[in-house]
Amino acid sequence: MLATATATPAAPPPAHSPHRATVGLAVPAAHARGRIGPNAITRVAEALLEEVGAETRREIFAGARLEGYLRDPPQHMVEEQEVMALHDVLRARLAPEHVRRVNRDAGVRTGAYLLARRIPRPVQKLLRILPAPLAARVLVTAIRRHAWTFAGTADFSAQSGRPVSFTLAGCPMCRGARTDAPCCDFYTACFEHLFRTLVHRRAAVCETACAAAGHVHCRFEVRW
């Protein structure tokens, strides 16, 4: 299956890639060095297995020079270039509808992981009983504070209100790509899962602008 969109291949993983040396710890300094949380790799691997099967998944990871992550999934922050390389190969190897389903599935899985492992249960309970605008404001503040774990070297900004909006300038999921429509479904689905669970069950996230589609930055709007 060949994608109709074209992408400029990301640079190969740097020499200190985890499959050739060590993985860095999840500390705020990772932003300056271009690192992203491991969900950007591990949840895509899980979604690919469901969508295209083990052999095609192996070929995609091998094409991104990340096959070692299938044997030994990352536990700490990964290089931003590795995430970019994986998404370049996804767009090159799969048709757009498959890429979209994989990224949406991976985004939902990431949101579920955050709810299960990273957001304390008492906080979740509190957000669910707060009025939606107030709950959204609290959640936006938390997302902004932890943006260094998913934005890499991109510039991230967030604004509460109706709608809530998130902006990524230099988004690592689509950097260098050229597509006909917004393609950062990983972020769209992750944000949507969190807002539907914690803020309002009818929350919907739409990527209204995407650098890959010719816009200045990637912008996501949350409405309910």
N, C-alpha and C. Protein backbone atom coordinates (compact mmCIF):
# COMPACT_ATOMS: atom_id res chain seq x y z
N MET A 1 0.85 -1.20 0.00
CA MET A 1 0.00 0.00 0.00
C MET A 1 0.88 1.24 0.00
N LEU A 2 0.68 2.09 -0.99
CA LEU A 2 1.50 3.28 -1.10
C LEU A 2 0.68 4.50 -0.75
N ALA A 3 1.27 5.40 0.02
CA ALA A 3 0.60 6.63 0.39
C ALA A 3 0.64 7.60 -0.78
N THR A 4 -0.40 8.44 -0.87
CA THR A 4 -0.41 9.45 -1.91
C THR A 4 0.38 10.67 -1.50
N ALA A 5 0.54 10.89 -0.17
CA ALA A 5 1.31 12.03 0.31
C ALA A 5 2.78 11.71 0.23
N THR A 6 3.60 12.73 0.08
CA THR A 6 5.04 12.55 0.08
C THR A 6 5.63 13.16 1.31
N ALA A 7 6.78 12.67 1.71
CA ALA A 7 7.43 13.17 2.92
C ALA A 7 8.92 13.22 2.69
N THR A 8 9.55 14.24 3.27
CA THR A 8 10.99 14.34 3.24
C THR A 8 11.56 13.48 4.34
N PRO A 9 12.37 12.47 4.04
CA PRO A 9 12.86 11.57 5.09
C PRO A 9 13.58 12.31 6.19
N ALA A 10 13.31 11.91 7.42
CA ALA A 10 14.00 12.51 8.56
C ALA A 10 15.44 12.01 8.58
N ALA A 11 16.29 12.77 9.23
CA ALA A 11 17.68 12.33 9.37
C ALA A 11 17.71 11.05 10.16
N PRO A 12 18.67 10.17 9.91
CA PRO A 12 18.74 8.91 10.66
C PRO A 12 18.98 9.18 12.12
N PRO A 13 18.61 8.23 12.98
CA PRO A 13 18.81 8.41 14.42
C PRO A 13 20.26 8.72 14.72
N PRO A 14 20.52 9.62 15.67
CA PRO A 14 21.86 10.01 16.01
C PRO A 14 22.68 8.84 16.53
N ALA A 15 23.99 9.08 16.60
CA ALA A 15 24.90 7.99 16.95
C ALA A 15 24.66 7.44 18.34
N HIS A 16 24.04 8.23 19.23
CA HIS A 16 23.82 7.72 20.57
C HIS A 16 22.40 7.19 20.74
N SER A 17 21.80 6.70 19.64
CA SER A 17 20.49 6.08 19.70
C SER A 17 20.51 4.95 20.73
N PRO A 18 19.37 4.67 21.41
CA PRO A 18 19.33 3.62 22.41
C PRO A 18 19.75 2.26 21.87
N HIS A 19 19.66 2.05 20.56
CA HIS A 19 20.02 0.75 20.03
C HIS A 19 21.50 0.67 19.71
N ARG A 20 22.22 1.74 20.01
CA ARG A 20 23.66 1.69 19.83
C ARG A 20 24.39 2.10 21.10
N ALA A 21 23.64 2.67 22.05
CA ALA A 21 24.28 3.06 23.30
C ALA A 21 23.25 3.05 24.40
N THR A 22 22.93 4.25 24.97
CA THR A 22 22.05 4.30 26.13
C THR A 22 20.88 5.22 25.87
N VAL A 23 19.88 5.13 26.72
CA VAL A 23 18.70 5.99 26.66
C VAL A 23 18.78 6.99 27.80
N GLY A 24 18.43 8.27 27.52
CA GLY A 24 18.48 9.28 28.56
C GLY A 24 17.31 9.17 29.51
N LEU A 25 17.42 9.81 30.65
CA LEU A 25 16.36 9.81 31.63
C LEU A 25 15.34 10.88 31.29
N ALA A 26 14.11 10.69 31.77
CA ALA A 26 13.03 11.62 31.48
C ALA A 26 13.14 12.84 32.39
N VAL A 27 13.96 13.79 31.99
CA VAL A 27 14.15 15.01 32.75
C VAL A 27 13.85 16.19 31.85
N PRO A 28 13.46 17.36 32.38
CA PRO A 28 13.10 18.50 31.55
C PRO A 28 14.17 18.90 30.55
N ALA A 29 15.44 18.65 30.82
CA ALA A 29 16.50 19.01 29.88
C ALA A 29 16.33 18.29 28.55
N ALA A 30 15.48 17.26 28.52
CA ALA A 30 15.27 16.51 27.29
C ALA A 30 14.72 17.40 26.19
N HIS A 31 13.96 18.43 26.57
CA HIS A 31 13.38 19.31 25.55
C HIS A 31 14.48 19.94 24.71
N ALA A 32 15.51 20.46 25.35
CA ALA A 32 16.58 21.13 24.63
C ALA A 32 17.33 20.16 23.73
N ARG A 33 17.36 18.89 24.10
CA ARG A 33 18.09 17.89 23.35
C ARG A 33 17.20 17.15 22.37
N GLY A 34 15.92 17.50 22.29
CA GLY A 34 15.03 16.87 21.35
C GLY A 34 14.66 15.45 21.70
N ARG A 35 14.01 15.26 22.84
CA ARG A 35 13.56 13.94 23.23
C ARG A 35 12.06 13.94 23.51
N ILE A 36 11.46 12.77 23.36
CA ILE A 36 10.01 12.61 23.49
C ILE A 36 9.75 11.35 24.29
N GLY A 37 8.62 11.31 25.00
CA GLY A 37 8.27 10.14 25.79
C GLY A 37 8.12 8.89 24.94
N PRO A 38 8.38 7.72 25.51
CA PRO A 38 8.41 6.48 24.74
C PRO A 38 7.07 6.06 24.15
N ASN A 39 5.95 6.62 24.64
CA ASN A 39 4.65 6.29 24.06
C ASN A 39 4.60 6.58 22.57
N ALA A 40 5.37 7.56 22.11
CA ALA A 40 5.38 7.90 20.69
C ALA A 40 5.93 6.76 19.84
N ILE A 41 6.63 5.83 20.47
CA ILE A 41 7.14 4.64 19.77
C ILE A 41 6.31 3.41 20.14
N THR A 42 6.14 3.17 21.44
CA THR A 42 5.52 1.92 21.87
C THR A 42 4.06 1.80 21.48
N ARG A 43 3.30 2.90 21.56
CA ARG A 43 1.87 2.82 21.22
C ARG A 43 1.69 2.71 19.70
N VAL A 44 2.58 3.31 18.94
CA VAL A 44 2.52 3.13 17.48
C VAL A 44 2.81 1.67 17.14
N ALA A 45 3.76 1.06 17.83
CA ALA A 45 4.05 -0.36 17.60
C ALA A 45 2.83 -1.22 17.88
N GLU A 46 2.13 -0.94 18.97
CA GLU A 46 0.93 -1.71 19.31
C GLU A 46 -0.17 -1.51 18.26
N ALA A 47 -0.36 -0.25 17.83
CA ALA A 47 -1.40 0.05 16.85
C ALA A 47 -1.07 -0.58 15.49
N LEU A 48 0.19 -0.57 15.11
CA LEU A 48 0.59 -1.18 13.85
C LEU A 48 0.31 -2.68 13.84
N LEU A 49 0.55 -3.34 14.95
CA LEU A 49 0.31 -4.77 15.03
C LEU A 49 -1.16 -5.06 14.75
N GLU A 50 -2.04 -4.24 15.29
CA GLU A 50 -3.48 -4.42 15.07
C GLU A 50 -3.87 -4.10 13.63
N GLU A 51 -3.27 -3.09 13.05
CA GLU A 51 -3.68 -2.59 11.73
C GLU A 51 -3.10 -3.38 10.57
N VAL A 52 -1.80 -3.71 10.64
CA VAL A 52 -1.15 -4.31 9.47
C VAL A 52 -0.46 -5.63 9.75
N GLY A 53 -0.38 -6.05 11.00
CA GLY A 53 0.24 -7.33 11.32
C GLY A 53 1.72 -7.22 11.64
N ALA A 54 2.27 -8.31 12.15
CA ALA A 54 3.63 -8.31 12.67
C ALA A 54 4.69 -8.09 11.60
N GLU A 55 4.53 -8.71 10.42
CA GLU A 55 5.58 -8.61 9.40
C GLU A 55 5.69 -7.21 8.83
N THR A 56 4.57 -6.59 8.48
CA THR A 56 4.62 -5.22 7.97
C THR A 56 5.11 -4.27 9.04
N ARG A 57 4.71 -4.50 10.28
CA ARG A 57 5.22 -3.67 11.38
C ARG A 57 6.73 -3.78 11.47
N ARG A 58 7.26 -5.00 11.38
CA ARG A 58 8.71 -5.19 11.44
C ARG A 58 9.40 -4.45 10.30
N GLU A 59 8.83 -4.52 9.10
CA GLU A 59 9.42 -3.83 7.96
C GLU A 59 9.44 -2.32 8.16
N ILE A 60 8.37 -1.79 8.73
CA ILE A 60 8.29 -0.34 8.97
C ILE A 60 9.33 0.08 10.01
N PHE A 61 9.43 -0.64 11.10
CA PHE A 61 10.41 -0.30 12.12
C PHE A 61 11.83 -0.48 11.59
N ALA A 62 12.04 -1.51 10.78
CA ALA A 62 13.37 -1.69 10.18
C ALA A 62 13.69 -0.54 9.23
N GLY A 63 12.70 -0.08 8.48
CA GLY A 63 12.92 1.04 7.57
C GLY A 63 13.30 2.31 8.29
N ALA A 64 12.82 2.46 9.54
CA ALA A 64 13.17 3.62 10.36
C ALA A 64 14.40 3.37 11.22
N ARG A 65 15.03 2.19 11.04
CA ARG A 65 16.20 1.79 11.82
C ARG A 65 15.87 1.72 13.31
N LEU A 66 14.67 1.22 13.60
CA LEU A 66 14.21 1.13 14.98
C LEU A 66 13.74 -0.28 15.34
N GLU A 67 14.14 -1.28 14.56
CA GLU A 67 13.66 -2.63 14.78
C GLU A 67 13.98 -3.13 16.18
N GLY A 68 15.07 -2.66 16.76
CA GLY A 68 15.43 -3.07 18.11
C GLY A 68 14.37 -2.74 19.14
N TYR A 69 13.58 -1.71 18.89
CA TYR A 69 12.52 -1.35 19.83
C TYR A 69 11.40 -2.39 19.87
N LEU A 70 11.27 -3.20 18.84
CA LEU A 70 10.27 -4.27 18.88
C LEU A 70 10.71 -5.38 19.81
N ARG A 71 12.02 -5.60 19.92
CA ARG A 71 12.54 -6.61 20.83
C ARG A 71 12.66 -6.07 22.25
N ASP A 72 12.98 -4.81 22.37
CA ASP A 72 13.25 -4.18 23.67
C ASP A 72 12.59 -2.81 23.70
N PRO A 73 11.28 -2.73 23.98
CA PRO A 73 10.57 -1.44 23.94
C PRO A 73 11.20 -0.41 24.86
N PRO A 74 11.28 0.84 24.41
CA PRO A 74 11.90 1.88 25.24
C PRO A 74 11.11 2.14 26.51
N GLN A 75 11.83 2.41 27.58
CA GLN A 75 11.23 2.69 28.88
C GLN A 75 11.41 4.14 29.30
N HIS A 76 12.29 4.85 28.61
CA HIS A 76 12.58 6.24 28.94
C HIS A 76 12.43 7.11 27.68
N MET A 77 12.80 8.36 27.78
CA MET A 77 12.67 9.27 26.65
C MET A 77 13.47 8.78 25.45
N VAL A 78 12.92 9.01 24.25
CA VAL A 78 13.59 8.60 23.01
C VAL A 78 13.98 9.84 22.23
N GLU A 79 14.90 9.66 21.29
CA GLU A 79 15.33 10.77 20.46
C GLU A 79 14.19 11.24 19.56
N GLU A 80 14.00 12.54 19.47
CA GLU A 80 13.00 13.12 18.59
C GLU A 80 13.18 12.64 17.14
N GLN A 81 14.42 12.53 16.69
CA GLN A 81 14.69 12.10 15.32
C GLN A 81 14.15 10.68 15.08
N GLU A 82 14.11 9.85 16.10
CA GLU A 82 13.57 8.50 15.94
C GLU A 82 12.07 8.54 15.69
N VAL A 83 11.37 9.40 16.41
CA VAL A 83 9.93 9.55 16.19
C VAL A 83 9.67 10.09 14.79
N MET A 84 10.43 11.07 14.37
CA MET A 84 10.28 11.62 13.03
C MET A 84 10.54 10.56 11.96
N ALA A 85 11.58 9.76 12.16
CA ALA A 85 11.91 8.72 11.18
C ALA A 85 10.78 7.70 11.08
N LEU A 86 10.21 7.31 12.22
CA LEU A 86 9.13 6.34 12.21
C LEU A 86 7.93 6.86 11.43
N HIS A 87 7.58 8.12 11.64
CA HIS A 87 6.42 8.68 10.94
C HIS A 87 6.70 8.91 9.46
N ASP A 88 7.92 9.21 9.11
CA ASP A 88 8.27 9.30 7.69
C ASP A 88 8.04 7.96 6.99
N VAL A 89 8.47 6.87 7.63
CA VAL A 89 8.31 5.55 7.02
C VAL A 89 6.84 5.15 6.99
N LEU A 90 6.11 5.47 8.03
CA LEU A 90 4.67 5.20 8.03
C LEU A 90 4.00 5.83 6.82
N ARG A 91 4.29 7.11 6.58
CA ARG A 91 3.65 7.81 5.46
C ARG A 91 4.12 7.26 4.11
N ALA A 92 5.36 6.80 4.04
CA ALA A 92 5.88 6.28 2.79
C ALA A 92 5.36 4.87 2.48
N ARG A 93 5.12 4.07 3.51
CA ARG A 93 4.77 2.66 3.31
C ARG A 93 3.27 2.37 3.30
N LEU A 94 2.50 3.20 4.01
CA LEU A 94 1.08 2.91 4.15
C LEU A 94 0.22 3.96 3.47
N ALA A 95 -0.95 3.54 3.04
CA ALA A 95 -1.92 4.48 2.48
C ALA A 95 -2.40 5.44 3.58
N PRO A 96 -2.81 6.65 3.21
CA PRO A 96 -3.18 7.67 4.22
C PRO A 96 -4.22 7.18 5.22
N GLU A 97 -5.21 6.40 4.75
CA GLU A 97 -6.24 5.97 5.70
C GLU A 97 -5.68 5.01 6.74
N HIS A 98 -4.69 4.21 6.37
CA HIS A 98 -4.06 3.32 7.34
C HIS A 98 -3.20 4.11 8.32
N VAL A 99 -2.47 5.10 7.82
CA VAL A 99 -1.66 5.95 8.69
C VAL A 99 -2.55 6.64 9.71
N ARG A 100 -3.69 7.13 9.24
CA ARG A 100 -4.60 7.83 10.14
C ARG A 100 -5.13 6.91 11.23
N ARG A 101 -5.52 5.71 10.85
CA ARG A 101 -6.04 4.77 11.85
C ARG A 101 -4.96 4.37 12.84
N VAL A 102 -3.75 4.13 12.36
CA VAL A 102 -2.65 3.77 13.26
C VAL A 102 -2.39 4.88 14.26
N ASN A 103 -2.30 6.11 13.77
CA ASN A 103 -1.98 7.22 14.67
C ASN A 103 -3.11 7.53 15.63
N ARG A 104 -4.35 7.40 15.18
CA ARG A 104 -5.46 7.62 16.11
C ARG A 104 -5.48 6.55 17.19
N ASP A 105 -5.28 5.30 16.79
CA ASP A 105 -5.23 4.21 17.77
C ASP A 105 -4.10 4.44 18.76
N ALA A 106 -2.92 4.81 18.25
CA ALA A 106 -1.77 5.05 19.13
C ALA A 106 -2.04 6.22 20.08
N GLY A 107 -2.71 7.25 19.59
CA GLY A 107 -3.03 8.38 20.44
C GLY A 107 -3.99 8.02 21.55
N VAL A 108 -5.01 7.22 21.23
CA VAL A 108 -5.96 6.76 22.26
C VAL A 108 -5.24 5.89 23.28
N ARG A 109 -4.36 5.02 22.80
CA ARG A 109 -3.60 4.17 23.72
C ARG A 109 -2.72 5.01 24.65
N THR A 110 -2.14 6.08 24.10
CA THR A 110 -1.31 6.95 24.93
C THR A 110 -2.15 7.65 25.98
N GLY A 111 -3.33 8.17 25.58
CA GLY A 111 -4.22 8.78 26.55
C GLY A 111 -4.63 7.82 27.64
N ALA A 112 -4.92 6.57 27.27
CA ALA A 112 -5.30 5.56 28.27
C ALA A 112 -4.14 5.27 29.21
N TYR A 113 -2.93 5.23 28.67
CA TYR A 113 -1.74 5.02 29.51
C TYR A 113 -1.60 6.16 30.52
N LEU A 114 -1.77 7.38 30.06
CA LEU A 114 -1.63 8.53 30.96
C LEU A 114 -2.67 8.47 32.08
N LEU A 115 -3.89 8.08 31.73
CA LEU A 115 -4.93 7.97 32.75
C LEU A 115 -4.63 6.85 33.74
N ALA A 116 -4.05 5.78 33.26
CA ALA A 116 -3.78 4.63 34.13
C ALA A 116 -2.53 4.80 34.97
N ARG A 117 -1.54 5.53 34.45
CA ARG A 117 -0.22 5.54 35.08
C ARG A 117 0.28 6.91 35.52
N ARG A 118 -0.23 7.99 34.94
CA ARG A 118 0.40 9.29 35.17
C ARG A 118 -0.50 10.33 35.84
N ILE A 119 -1.79 10.24 35.67
CA ILE A 119 -2.69 11.23 36.28
C ILE A 119 -3.31 10.60 37.52
N PRO A 120 -3.03 11.12 38.70
CA PRO A 120 -3.53 10.50 39.94
C PRO A 120 -5.04 10.35 39.95
N ARG A 121 -5.51 9.26 40.51
CA ARG A 121 -6.95 8.98 40.56
C ARG A 121 -7.74 10.09 41.26
N PRO A 122 -7.25 10.63 42.40
CA PRO A 122 -8.01 11.71 43.03
C PRO A 122 -8.16 12.93 42.13
N VAL A 123 -7.13 13.23 41.35
CA VAL A 123 -7.21 14.36 40.42
C VAL A 123 -8.25 14.07 39.34
N GLN A 124 -8.25 12.85 38.82
CA GLN A 124 -9.23 12.50 37.80
C GLN A 124 -10.65 12.62 38.35
N LYS A 125 -10.85 12.14 39.57
CA LYS A 125 -12.17 12.21 40.19
C LYS A 125 -12.62 13.66 40.35
N LEU A 126 -11.70 14.52 40.76
CA LEU A 126 -12.03 15.93 40.95
C LEU A 126 -12.40 16.58 39.62
N LEU A 127 -11.61 16.32 38.57
CA LEU A 127 -11.89 16.93 37.27
C LEU A 127 -13.26 16.52 36.74
N ARG A 128 -13.66 15.29 36.99
CA ARG A 128 -14.93 14.80 36.47
C ARG A 128 -16.14 15.47 37.11
N ILE A 129 -15.96 15.97 38.34
CA ILE A 129 -17.10 16.60 39.01
C ILE A 129 -17.08 18.12 38.87
N LEU A 130 -15.99 18.68 38.38
CA LEU A 130 -15.92 20.13 38.16
C LEU A 130 -16.74 20.52 36.93
N PRO A 131 -17.24 21.75 36.87
CA PRO A 131 -17.85 22.23 35.63
C PRO A 131 -16.84 22.12 34.49
N ALA A 132 -17.30 21.77 33.31
CA ALA A 132 -16.40 21.50 32.19
C ALA A 132 -15.41 22.64 31.92
N PRO A 133 -15.82 23.91 31.91
CA PRO A 133 -14.84 24.97 31.64
C PRO A 133 -13.70 25.01 32.66
N LEU A 134 -14.04 24.78 33.93
CA LEU A 134 -13.01 24.79 34.97
C LEU A 134 -12.12 23.55 34.86
N ALA A 135 -12.73 22.41 34.63
CA ALA A 135 -11.94 21.19 34.45
C ALA A 135 -10.99 21.33 33.27
N ALA A 136 -11.48 21.94 32.20
CA ALA A 136 -10.64 22.14 31.01
C ALA A 136 -9.46 23.04 31.33
N ARG A 137 -9.70 24.07 32.12
CA ARG A 137 -8.62 24.99 32.47
C ARG A 137 -7.54 24.26 33.26
N VAL A 138 -7.95 23.42 34.20
CA VAL A 138 -6.98 22.66 35.00
C VAL A 138 -6.21 21.70 34.11
N LEU A 139 -6.91 21.01 33.22
CA LEU A 139 -6.25 20.04 32.35
C LEU A 139 -5.29 20.73 31.39
N VAL A 140 -5.69 21.86 30.85
CA VAL A 140 -4.81 22.62 29.95
C VAL A 140 -3.53 23.02 30.66
N THR A 141 -3.65 23.46 31.90
CA THR A 141 -2.46 23.84 32.67
C THR A 141 -1.53 22.65 32.85
N ALA A 142 -2.09 21.48 33.13
CA ALA A 142 -1.27 20.28 33.31
C ALA A 142 -0.60 19.88 32.01
N ILE A 143 -1.33 19.94 30.90
CA ILE A 143 -0.75 19.59 29.60
C ILE A 143 0.37 20.56 29.25
N ARG A 144 0.15 21.83 29.49
CA ARG A 144 1.19 22.83 29.20
C ARG A 144 2.44 22.55 30.04
N ARG A 145 2.25 22.21 31.29
CA ARG A 145 3.39 21.96 32.19
C ARG A 145 4.20 20.75 31.75
N HIS A 146 3.54 19.77 31.14
CA HIS A 146 4.23 18.54 30.75
C HIS A 146 4.47 18.45 29.25
N ALA A 147 4.38 19.56 28.56
CA ALA A 147 4.56 19.54 27.11
C ALA A 147 5.94 19.05 26.70
N TRP A 148 6.93 19.24 27.56
CA TRP A 148 8.30 18.80 27.22
C TRP A 148 8.37 17.30 27.02
N THR A 149 7.37 16.54 27.52
CA THR A 149 7.41 15.09 27.37
C THR A 149 6.88 14.62 26.02
N PHE A 150 6.18 15.48 25.27
CA PHE A 150 5.63 15.04 23.99
C PHE A 150 5.93 15.96 22.81
N ALA A 151 6.42 17.17 23.08
CA ALA A 151 6.62 18.13 22.00
C ALA A 151 8.03 18.12 21.42
N GLY A 152 8.98 17.53 22.12
CA GLY A 152 10.36 17.57 21.64
C GLY A 152 10.85 19.00 21.57
N THR A 153 11.45 19.38 20.45
CA THR A 153 11.96 20.74 20.30
C THR A 153 10.92 21.69 19.72
N ALA A 154 9.70 21.20 19.49
CA ALA A 154 8.64 22.08 18.99
C ALA A 154 8.27 23.12 20.04
N ASP A 155 7.79 24.25 19.58
CA ASP A 155 7.26 25.28 20.48
C ASP A 155 5.78 24.99 20.71
N PHE A 156 5.43 24.75 21.96
CA PHE A 156 4.06 24.40 22.32
C PHE A 156 3.40 25.54 23.06
N SER A 157 2.16 25.83 22.71
CA SER A 157 1.37 26.81 23.45
C SER A 157 -0.05 26.28 23.60
N ALA A 158 -0.73 26.74 24.66
CA ALA A 158 -2.09 26.28 24.94
C ALA A 158 -2.92 27.44 25.46
N GLN A 159 -4.19 27.42 25.11
CA GLN A 159 -5.08 28.50 25.54
C GLN A 159 -6.42 27.90 25.96
N SER A 160 -6.85 28.26 27.17
CA SER A 160 -8.15 27.83 27.65
C SER A 160 -9.24 28.68 27.00
N GLY A 161 -10.47 28.25 27.13
CA GLY A 161 -11.59 28.99 26.57
C GLY A 161 -12.49 28.07 25.77
N ARG A 162 -13.33 28.67 24.94
CA ARG A 162 -14.21 27.90 24.07
C ARG A 162 -14.00 28.38 22.63
N PRO A 163 -13.21 27.68 21.84
CA PRO A 163 -12.64 26.38 22.16
C PRO A 163 -11.31 26.47 22.90
N VAL A 164 -10.92 25.38 23.53
CA VAL A 164 -9.54 25.21 23.98
C VAL A 164 -8.69 25.03 22.74
N SER A 165 -7.47 25.56 22.77
CA SER A 165 -6.60 25.37 21.61
C SER A 165 -5.18 25.02 22.05
N PHE A 166 -4.55 24.18 21.24
CA PHE A 166 -3.14 23.81 21.42
C PHE A 166 -2.43 24.08 20.10
N THR A 167 -1.22 24.60 20.19
CA THR A 167 -0.44 24.89 18.99
C THR A 167 0.95 24.31 19.11
N LEU A 168 1.40 23.67 18.05
CA LEU A 168 2.76 23.13 17.97
C LEU A 168 3.43 23.72 16.73
N ALA A 169 4.50 24.47 16.95
CA ALA A 169 5.31 24.98 15.85
C ALA A 169 6.55 24.11 15.74
N GLY A 170 6.71 23.42 14.61
CA GLY A 170 7.80 22.47 14.47
C GLY A 170 7.42 21.10 14.98
N CYS A 171 6.18 20.70 14.78
CA CYS A 171 5.64 19.44 15.28
C CYS A 171 6.48 18.24 14.82
N PRO A 172 6.95 17.41 15.74
CA PRO A 172 7.80 16.28 15.35
C PRO A 172 7.06 15.18 14.60
N MET A 173 5.74 15.12 14.70
CA MET A 173 4.99 14.07 14.01
C MET A 173 4.89 14.31 12.50
N CYS A 174 4.99 15.58 12.09
CA CYS A 174 4.82 15.87 10.66
C CYS A 174 5.92 16.74 10.08
N ARG A 175 6.97 16.99 10.84
CA ARG A 175 8.02 17.90 10.37
C ARG A 175 8.65 17.38 9.08
N GLY A 176 8.66 18.21 8.06
CA GLY A 176 9.24 17.84 6.78
C GLY A 176 8.28 17.14 5.84
N ALA A 177 7.07 16.80 6.32
CA ALA A 177 6.11 16.07 5.49
C ALA A 177 5.28 17.04 4.66
N ARG A 178 4.69 16.53 3.59
CA ARG A 178 3.76 17.30 2.76
C ARG A 178 2.53 16.42 2.53
N THR A 179 1.40 16.87 3.02
CA THR A 179 0.16 16.11 2.90
C THR A 179 -0.96 17.01 2.42
N ASP A 180 -2.05 16.39 1.97
CA ASP A 180 -3.19 17.16 1.47
C ASP A 180 -4.10 17.64 2.59
N ALA A 181 -3.97 17.06 3.76
CA ALA A 181 -4.84 17.40 4.89
C ALA A 181 -4.06 17.26 6.18
N PRO A 182 -4.54 17.85 7.27
CA PRO A 182 -3.86 17.69 8.56
C PRO A 182 -3.64 16.22 8.88
N CYS A 183 -2.48 15.92 9.46
CA CYS A 183 -2.11 14.50 9.63
C CYS A 183 -1.61 14.15 11.02
N CYS A 184 -1.72 15.05 11.99
CA CYS A 184 -1.18 14.77 13.33
C CYS A 184 -2.22 14.09 14.20
N ASP A 185 -2.71 12.95 13.74
CA ASP A 185 -3.81 12.26 14.41
C ASP A 185 -3.41 11.68 15.76
N PHE A 186 -2.13 11.43 15.97
CA PHE A 186 -1.66 10.94 17.27
C PHE A 186 -2.03 11.94 18.36
N TYR A 187 -1.69 13.22 18.15
CA TYR A 187 -2.01 14.24 19.14
C TYR A 187 -3.52 14.46 19.23
N THR A 188 -4.18 14.52 18.08
CA THR A 188 -5.63 14.74 18.07
C THR A 188 -6.34 13.71 18.94
N ALA A 189 -6.01 12.44 18.73
CA ALA A 189 -6.70 11.37 19.45
C ALA A 189 -6.34 11.35 20.93
N CYS A 190 -5.09 11.63 21.24
CA CYS A 190 -4.67 11.65 22.65
C CYS A 190 -5.38 12.76 23.42
N PHE A 191 -5.37 13.98 22.86
CA PHE A 191 -6.06 15.09 23.51
C PHE A 191 -7.55 14.76 23.67
N GLU A 192 -8.15 14.22 22.62
CA GLU A 192 -9.58 13.93 22.66
C GLU A 192 -9.92 12.91 23.73
N HIS A 193 -9.11 11.87 23.83
CA HIS A 193 -9.37 10.85 24.85
C HIS A 193 -9.30 11.44 26.26
N LEU A 194 -8.32 12.30 26.49
CA LEU A 194 -8.19 12.91 27.81
C LEU A 194 -9.36 13.84 28.12
N PHE A 195 -9.76 14.65 27.14
CA PHE A 195 -10.86 15.59 27.38
C PHE A 195 -12.19 14.87 27.52
N ARG A 196 -12.42 13.82 26.74
CA ARG A 196 -13.67 13.08 26.87
C ARG A 196 -13.77 12.37 28.21
N THR A 197 -12.65 11.94 28.72
CA THR A 197 -12.65 11.22 29.99
C THR A 197 -12.73 12.15 31.19
N LEU A 198 -12.05 13.29 31.11
CA LEU A 198 -11.88 14.14 32.28
C LEU A 198 -12.71 15.43 32.27
N VAL A 199 -13.14 15.87 31.10
CA VAL A 199 -13.80 17.18 31.01
C VAL A 199 -15.26 17.06 30.58
N HIS A 200 -15.51 16.45 29.42
CA HIS A 200 -16.88 16.34 28.90
C HIS A 200 -16.95 15.17 27.94
N ARG A 201 -17.95 14.32 28.09
CA ARG A 201 -18.03 13.11 27.28
C ARG A 201 -18.25 13.38 25.81
N ARG A 202 -18.68 14.60 25.46
CA ARG A 202 -18.87 14.93 24.05
C ARG A 202 -17.72 15.77 23.49
N ALA A 203 -16.64 15.87 24.23
CA ALA A 203 -15.49 16.65 23.74
C ALA A 203 -14.98 16.06 22.43
N ALA A 204 -14.66 16.94 21.50
CA ALA A 204 -14.12 16.52 20.20
C ALA A 204 -12.95 17.43 19.86
N VAL A 205 -11.89 16.83 19.34
CA VAL A 205 -10.69 17.57 18.98
C VAL A 205 -10.53 17.52 17.47
N CYS A 206 -10.26 18.68 16.88
CA CYS A 206 -10.04 18.79 15.44
C CYS A 206 -8.73 19.52 15.19
N GLU A 207 -7.89 18.95 14.32
CA GLU A 207 -6.68 19.66 13.92
C GLU A 207 -7.07 20.63 12.81
N THR A 208 -7.13 21.91 13.13
CA THR A 208 -7.62 22.92 12.19
C THR A 208 -6.53 23.50 11.31
N ALA A 209 -5.28 23.27 11.65
CA ALA A 209 -4.15 23.71 10.83
C ALA A 209 -3.01 22.71 11.03
N CYS A 210 -2.24 22.48 9.98
CA CYS A 210 -1.15 21.51 10.06
C CYS A 210 0.00 21.98 9.18
N ALA A 211 1.21 21.96 9.72
CA ALA A 211 2.37 22.40 8.96
C ALA A 211 2.57 21.55 7.71
N ALA A 212 2.24 20.25 7.80
CA ALA A 212 2.41 19.37 6.64
C ALA A 212 1.47 19.75 5.50
N ALA A 213 0.35 20.37 5.83
CA ALA A 213 -0.64 20.78 4.83
C ALA A 213 -0.42 22.22 4.38
N GLY A 214 0.69 22.81 4.79
CA GLY A 214 1.03 24.15 4.31
C GLY A 214 0.78 25.29 5.27
N HIS A 215 0.35 24.99 6.48
CA HIS A 215 0.11 26.05 7.46
C HIS A 215 1.40 26.36 8.23
N VAL A 216 1.36 27.46 8.97
CA VAL A 216 2.54 27.89 9.71
C VAL A 216 2.85 26.93 10.85
N HIS A 217 1.81 26.41 11.48
CA HIS A 217 2.00 25.51 12.61
C HIS A 217 0.83 24.53 12.65
N CYS A 218 0.88 23.60 13.59
CA CYS A 218 -0.21 22.67 13.82
C CYS A 218 -1.06 23.20 14.96
N ARG A 219 -2.37 23.24 14.74
CA ARG A 219 -3.28 23.79 15.75
C ARG A 219 -4.42 22.80 15.97
N PHE A 220 -4.74 22.59 17.24
CA PHE A 220 -5.79 21.66 17.62
C PHE A 220 -6.82 22.42 18.45
N GLU A 221 -8.09 22.22 18.14
CA GLU A 221 -9.16 22.88 18.88
C GLU A 221 -10.05 21.84 19.54
N VAL A 222 -10.39 22.10 20.80
CA VAL A 222 -11.24 21.19 21.59
C VAL A 222 -12.58 21.87 21.83
N ARG A 223 -13.66 21.21 21.42
CA ARG A 223 -15.02 21.74 21.63
C ARG A 223 -15.88 20.67 22.27
N TRP A 224 -16.91 21.15 23.01
CA TRP A 224 -17.89 20.23 23.59
C TRP A 224 -19.23 20.93 23.69
